[in-house]
Protein backbone atom coordinates (compact mmCIF):
# COMPACT_ATOMS: atom_id res chain seq x y z
CA UNK A 1 4.56 4.89 -58.84
CA UNK A 2 4.95 7.65 -56.14
CA UNK A 3 1.26 7.00 -55.29
CA UNK A 4 1.53 3.47 -54.91
CA UNK A 5 4.66 3.64 -52.46
CA UNK A 6 2.77 6.34 -50.36
CA UNK A 7 -0.27 3.94 -49.74
CA UNK A 8 1.96 1.15 -49.11
CA UNK A 9 4.17 3.03 -46.58
CA UNK A 10 1.03 4.47 -45.09
CA UNK A 11 -0.51 1.12 -44.22
CA UNK A 12 2.64 -0.38 -42.98
CA UNK A 13 2.71 2.88 -40.42
CA UNK A 14 -1.35 1.80 -39.59
CA UNK A 15 -0.28 -2.03 -39.00
CA UNK A 16 2.95 -1.10 -37.02
CA UNK A 17 1.29 -2.03 -33.38
CA UNK A 18 3.63 0.37 -30.62
CA UNK A 19 0.78 0.32 -27.94
CA UNK A 20 1.32 -1.90 -24.68
CA UNK A 21 -1.72 -3.88 -23.20
CA UNK A 22 -3.89 -2.01 -20.38
CA UNK A 23 -4.56 -3.90 -16.83
CA UNK A 24 -7.14 -2.97 -14.56
CA UNK A 25 -7.04 -5.43 -11.55
CA UNK A 26 -10.33 -5.95 -9.70
CA UNK A 27 -8.19 -8.24 -6.92
CA UNK A 28 -6.64 -7.68 -4.25
CA UNK A 29 -7.45 -3.99 -4.00
CA UNK A 30 -4.39 -2.02 -2.84
CA UNK A 31 -3.88 -1.65 0.91
CA UNK A 32 -6.04 -5.00 1.34
CA UNK A 33 -4.81 -7.10 4.19
CA UNK A 34 -4.51 -10.78 4.05
CA UNK A 35 -3.37 -13.37 6.99
CA UNK A 36 -0.68 -15.81 6.88
CA UNK A 37 -1.86 -19.35 5.58
CA UNK A 38 -4.63 -17.70 3.81
CA UNK A 39 -5.46 -17.49 -0.35
CA UNK A 40 -4.41 -14.18 -2.50
CA UNK A 41 -6.91 -14.26 -4.91
CA UNK A 42 -6.23 -12.52 -8.41
CA UNK A 43 -8.97 -11.18 -10.94
CA UNK A 44 -7.95 -8.97 -13.54
CA UNK A 45 -8.85 -7.52 -17.01
CA UNK A 46 -6.51 -7.36 -19.73
CA UNK A 47 -6.83 -5.46 -22.98
CA UNK A 48 -4.88 -4.79 -26.16
CA UNK A 49 -5.69 -2.78 -29.29
CA UNK A 50 -4.62 -6.31 -31.35
CA UNK A 51 -3.39 -9.18 -29.77
CA UNK A 52 -2.95 -9.83 -26.02
CA UNK A 53 0.35 -12.33 -25.09
CA UNK A 54 1.31 -13.11 -21.70
CA UNK A 55 0.95 -11.68 -18.12
CA UNK A 56 3.18 -11.80 -14.71
CA UNK A 57 2.79 -11.72 -11.25
CA UNK A 58 5.57 -10.42 -8.74
CA UNK A 59 4.84 -10.53 -4.95
CA UNK A 60 7.95 -9.30 -2.79
CA UNK A 61 8.43 -8.02 0.59
CA UNK A 62 8.24 -4.11 0.79
CA UNK A 63 10.41 -4.17 4.07
CA UNK A 64 13.27 -1.77 2.63
CA UNK A 65 11.76 1.27 2.96
CA UNK A 66 10.72 0.91 6.34
CA UNK A 67 12.44 1.47 9.23
CA UNK A 68 16.60 1.64 10.00
CA UNK A 69 17.33 -1.88 9.58
CA UNK A 70 16.76 -4.54 11.96
CA UNK A 71 19.06 -5.71 14.91
CA UNK A 72 17.45 -8.91 15.16
CA UNK A 73 14.43 -11.49 13.50
CA UNK A 74 12.40 -14.42 14.30
CA UNK A 75 14.38 -17.31 12.12
CA UNK A 76 11.14 -19.00 12.08
CA UNK A 77 9.26 -16.22 9.90
CA UNK A 78 9.81 -15.74 6.10
CA UNK A 79 9.59 -12.84 4.37
CA UNK A 80 6.91 -14.44 0.95
CA UNK A 81 7.77 -14.39 -2.27
CA UNK A 82 5.91 -15.34 -5.47
CA UNK A 83 6.53 -14.98 -9.44
CA UNK A 84 5.29 -16.53 -12.05
CA UNK A 85 4.21 -16.09 -16.10
CA UNK A 86 0.67 -16.98 -17.66
CA UNK A 87 -0.03 -16.80 -21.38
CA UNK A 88 -3.10 -14.70 -22.54
CA UNK A 89 -5.35 -15.64 -25.43
CA UNK A 90 -4.47 -13.58 -28.94
CA UNK A 91 -7.81 -11.64 -28.42
CA UNK A 92 -8.13 -7.79 -27.58
CA UNK A 93 -9.92 -8.60 -24.06
CA UNK A 94 -9.64 -10.97 -21.46
CA UNK A 95 -10.88 -11.53 -17.92
CA UNK A 96 -8.10 -13.43 -15.98
CA UNK A 97 -8.25 -15.79 -13.15
CA UNK A 98 -5.38 -17.94 -11.72
CA UNK A 99 -5.04 -21.64 -12.43
CA UNK A 100 -3.85 -21.96 -9.36
CA UNK A 101 -4.17 -20.31 -5.61
CA UNK A 102 -1.57 -17.82 -4.23
CA UNK A 103 -1.01 -19.48 -0.91
CA UNK A 104 0.47 -17.28 1.55
CA UNK A 105 2.65 -19.62 4.01
CA UNK A 106 1.72 -19.81 7.45
CA UNK A 107 4.77 -18.44 9.01
CA UNK A 108 4.70 -15.68 6.39
CA UNK A 109 6.31 -12.28 8.19
CA UNK A 110 3.68 -9.60 8.67
CA UNK A 111 4.13 -6.13 6.95
CA UNK A 112 3.82 -4.74 3.42
CA UNK A 113 4.29 -6.52 0.11
CA UNK A 114 4.26 -5.49 -3.55
CA UNK A 115 1.63 -6.85 -6.00
CA UNK A 116 3.45 -6.10 -9.23
CA UNK A 117 1.34 -7.08 -12.55
CA UNK A 118 2.52 -7.03 -15.59
CA UNK A 119 1.95 -7.76 -19.21
CA UNK A 120 3.17 -8.36 -23.12
CA UNK A 121 1.13 -8.32 -26.06
CA UNK A 122 1.74 -10.84 -29.14
CA UNK A 123 3.80 -7.99 -30.66
CA UNK A 124 6.15 -7.89 -27.99
CA UNK A 125 5.10 -4.14 -26.35
CA UNK A 126 5.47 -4.77 -22.79
CA UNK A 127 4.08 -2.11 -19.89
CA UNK A 128 6.44 -0.23 -18.28
CA UNK A 129 6.66 2.03 -15.37
CA UNK A 130 7.41 5.26 -17.17
CA UNK A 131 3.70 5.10 -18.97
CA UNK A 132 2.06 3.90 -15.87
CA UNK A 133 0.71 0.66 -17.89
CA UNK A 134 2.29 -1.81 -14.67
CA UNK A 135 -0.24 -1.97 -12.28
CA UNK A 136 1.81 -1.90 -8.49
CA UNK A 137 -0.18 -2.57 -5.73
CA UNK A 138 1.03 -2.66 -1.70
CA UNK A 139 -0.81 -5.42 0.17
CA UNK A 140 -0.40 -5.89 4.09
CA UNK A 141 0.22 -9.51 5.24
CA UNK A 142 -0.92 -9.98 8.72
CA UNK A 143 0.36 -12.89 11.35
CA UNK A 144 -0.82 -13.55 15.12
CA UNK A 145 2.58 -12.73 16.46
CA UNK A 146 2.73 -9.16 15.13
CA UNK A 147 1.78 -5.72 17.22
CA UNK A 148 -1.69 -5.27 17.54
CA UNK A 149 -2.51 -1.50 17.26
CA UNK A 150 -6.16 -0.77 18.39
CA UNK A 151 -7.81 2.95 18.36
CA UNK A 152 -10.87 3.32 21.10
CA UNK A 153 -12.12 6.47 19.77
CA UNK A 154 -13.17 5.62 16.09
CA UNK A 155 -16.72 6.93 14.87
CA UNK A 156 -18.21 5.26 11.83
CA UNK A 157 -14.62 3.81 11.57
CA UNK A 158 -12.88 7.23 11.15
CA UNK A 159 -11.59 9.66 13.71
CA UNK A 160 -12.08 13.85 13.97
CA UNK A 161 -9.98 16.58 13.76
CA UNK A 162 -10.93 20.37 14.94
CA UNK A 163 -9.02 23.47 13.74
CA UNK A 164 -7.89 24.83 17.38
CA UNK A 165 -8.23 21.84 19.13
CA UNK A 166 -5.83 19.15 20.22
CA UNK A 167 -5.83 15.80 17.84
CA UNK A 168 -7.17 13.08 20.01
CA UNK A 169 -6.11 9.46 19.50
CA UNK A 170 -7.00 7.01 21.96
CA UNK A 171 -5.11 3.75 21.60
CA UNK A 172 -2.55 1.25 22.23
CA UNK A 173 0.10 -0.63 20.40
CA UNK A 174 0.52 -4.47 22.23
CA UNK A 175 2.65 -7.17 21.28
CA UNK A 176 1.85 -10.43 21.97
CA UNK A 177 4.36 -12.63 24.08
CA UNK A 178 7.54 -14.11 22.70
CA UNK A 179 9.79 -16.37 24.82
CA UNK A 180 12.84 -14.37 22.96
CA UNK A 181 11.51 -11.74 20.51
CA UNK A 182 9.13 -9.82 22.23
CA UNK A 183 8.61 -5.78 22.34
CA UNK A 184 8.48 -3.23 20.24
CA UNK A 185 11.28 -1.88 18.09
CA UNK A 186 10.47 1.35 16.45
CA UNK A 187 7.05 3.20 15.49
CA UNK A 188 6.24 5.72 13.03
CA UNK A 189 3.05 7.95 13.06
CA UNK A 190 1.84 10.44 10.27
CA UNK A 191 -1.16 12.61 9.98
CA UNK A 192 -1.32 14.25 6.14
CA UNK A 193 -3.50 14.14 3.16
CA UNK A 194 -4.34 10.94 1.25
CA UNK A 195 -2.66 10.50 -2.11
CA UNK A 196 -4.67 11.85 -5.01
CA UNK A 197 -7.32 13.73 -2.54
CA UNK A 198 -6.83 17.19 -3.50
CA UNK A 199 -9.43 18.32 -6.16
CA UNK A 200 -6.44 20.38 -7.73
CA UNK A 201 -3.84 17.87 -7.20
CA UNK A 202 -2.44 17.90 -10.93
CA UNK A 203 0.38 15.49 -9.59
CA UNK A 204 1.17 17.59 -6.29
CA UNK A 205 3.08 15.43 -3.65
CA UNK A 206 0.33 14.68 -0.16
CA UNK A 207 1.38 16.86 2.54
CA UNK A 208 2.26 15.37 5.82
CA UNK A 209 1.05 17.65 8.25
CA UNK A 210 2.67 16.20 11.61
CA UNK A 211 4.66 12.59 12.00
CA UNK A 212 6.85 11.02 14.57
CA UNK A 213 9.75 8.30 14.49
CA UNK A 214 10.26 7.05 17.74
CA UNK A 215 13.09 3.89 18.25
CA UNK A 216 14.64 2.10 21.43
CA UNK A 217 14.45 3.86 24.45
CA UNK A 218 12.73 6.59 23.03
CA UNK A 219 9.78 4.25 23.35
CA UNK A 220 10.28 3.93 27.11
CA UNK A 221 7.90 7.28 28.43
CA UNK A 222 4.89 5.67 26.15
CA UNK A 223 4.45 2.36 27.88
CA UNK A 224 1.41 2.03 30.24
CA UNK A 225 0.86 -0.35 33.38
CA UNK A 226 -0.16 -3.20 31.27
CA UNK A 227 2.86 -3.07 29.03
CA UNK A 228 1.33 -1.72 25.88
CA UNK A 229 2.70 1.97 24.13
CA UNK A 230 0.22 4.79 24.55
CA UNK A 231 -0.58 6.18 21.27
CA UNK A 232 -2.08 9.38 22.72
CA UNK A 233 0.72 10.13 24.50
CA UNK A 234 2.81 9.93 21.16
CA UNK A 235 0.73 12.82 19.17
CA UNK A 236 0.95 16.49 20.02
CA UNK A 237 -0.70 18.06 17.19
CA UNK A 238 -2.83 20.77 16.87
CA UNK A 239 -4.77 21.79 12.99
CA UNK A 240 -4.59 25.74 12.54
CA UNK A 241 -7.14 27.86 11.21
CA UNK A 242 -4.89 28.60 8.58
CA UNK A 243 -4.11 24.90 7.55
CA UNK A 244 -7.77 24.29 7.69
CA UNK A 245 -8.10 26.97 4.90
CA UNK A 246 -5.58 25.82 2.64
CA UNK A 247 -6.88 22.00 3.25
CA UNK A 248 -10.40 23.10 2.19
CA UNK A 249 -9.21 25.40 -0.83
CA UNK A 250 -7.51 22.22 -2.01
CA UNK A 251 -11.27 20.20 -1.63
CA UNK A 252 -9.43 17.95 0.90
CA UNK A 253 -12.48 16.97 4.03
CA UNK A 254 -10.25 14.15 5.14
CA UNK A 255 -6.67 12.97 6.14
CA UNK A 256 -5.19 10.23 6.64
CA UNK A 257 -3.59 8.73 10.19
CA UNK A 258 -0.99 6.14 9.81
CA UNK A 259 0.63 4.24 12.36
CA UNK A 260 3.36 1.46 12.10
CA UNK A 261 4.83 -0.50 14.56
CA UNK A 262 8.11 -2.53 13.77
CA UNK A 263 8.47 -5.81 16.60
CA UNK A 264 11.89 -7.39 17.46
CA UNK A 265 10.51 -10.06 15.77
CA UNK A 266 10.70 -8.26 12.10
CA UNK A 267 6.96 -7.96 12.06
CA UNK A 268 5.40 -4.63 10.70
CA UNK A 269 1.86 -3.42 12.09
CA UNK A 270 0.41 -1.10 9.79
CA UNK A 271 -3.07 0.84 10.23
CA UNK A 272 -4.33 3.46 8.17
CA UNK A 273 -7.23 5.31 9.75
CA UNK A 274 -9.63 7.99 7.92
CA UNK A 275 -9.54 11.62 9.57
CA UNK A 276 -12.90 13.67 8.91
CA UNK A 277 -12.26 17.36 9.06
CA UNK A 278 -14.88 18.95 11.26
CA UNK A 279 -16.35 22.07 9.41
CA UNK A 280 -18.42 24.46 11.20
């Protein structure tokens, strides 16, 4: 009798499903740009140890973590959002493509948006942030009225930095004409390690080597005669030999330059440029 009870107990434990589905998103990619009025394609592979159930997509703006609160916004622009649920077949693996298109409205405000994918299997196990099974991407929506960030000294789509020499970035930020809300409100510039670049990362937060935040009248000294902001005048950084040694010891040979400009309409322009570390 005891043997039978133990056998049934072990069998029930084996049948208990506590494993959430896994999600592998092929499209969109993290950091991918989509123009207002265009379509965001979605494709993902969902897997589960027993049976899949449903999945959901949630897109909303990520403006709250950017800036100090906007004084004005263009009432003709909207902050795009999208949310829907979809059925999955009760199999262990399925490649999902949306039955309808995700269309970004033509009057969408430019900036970063969160693209979140979640799933639940047939037994009710849900993906979560705690175990990293929820997929959260950041996509960038662009429009024709956003500020234009242009870098002129790129070589093979990247910049170069060399120890003991000033970091040079030749570029401008230009806001297109607008009858009421033309101009740049804030600019953020940072230079640092790409996330997860270090070979010895072990969850270590990427280090920022240089950053500057300019807003309002603080931007006035950086305007050129054409009415654009001079990026090179904003950056005053030289990589030291010690910093170079520390970066190389971490297996880091590339940095990222992030330039973020907020215009008076509420648009946020973001450019992330790879920076190659020159090694003799």
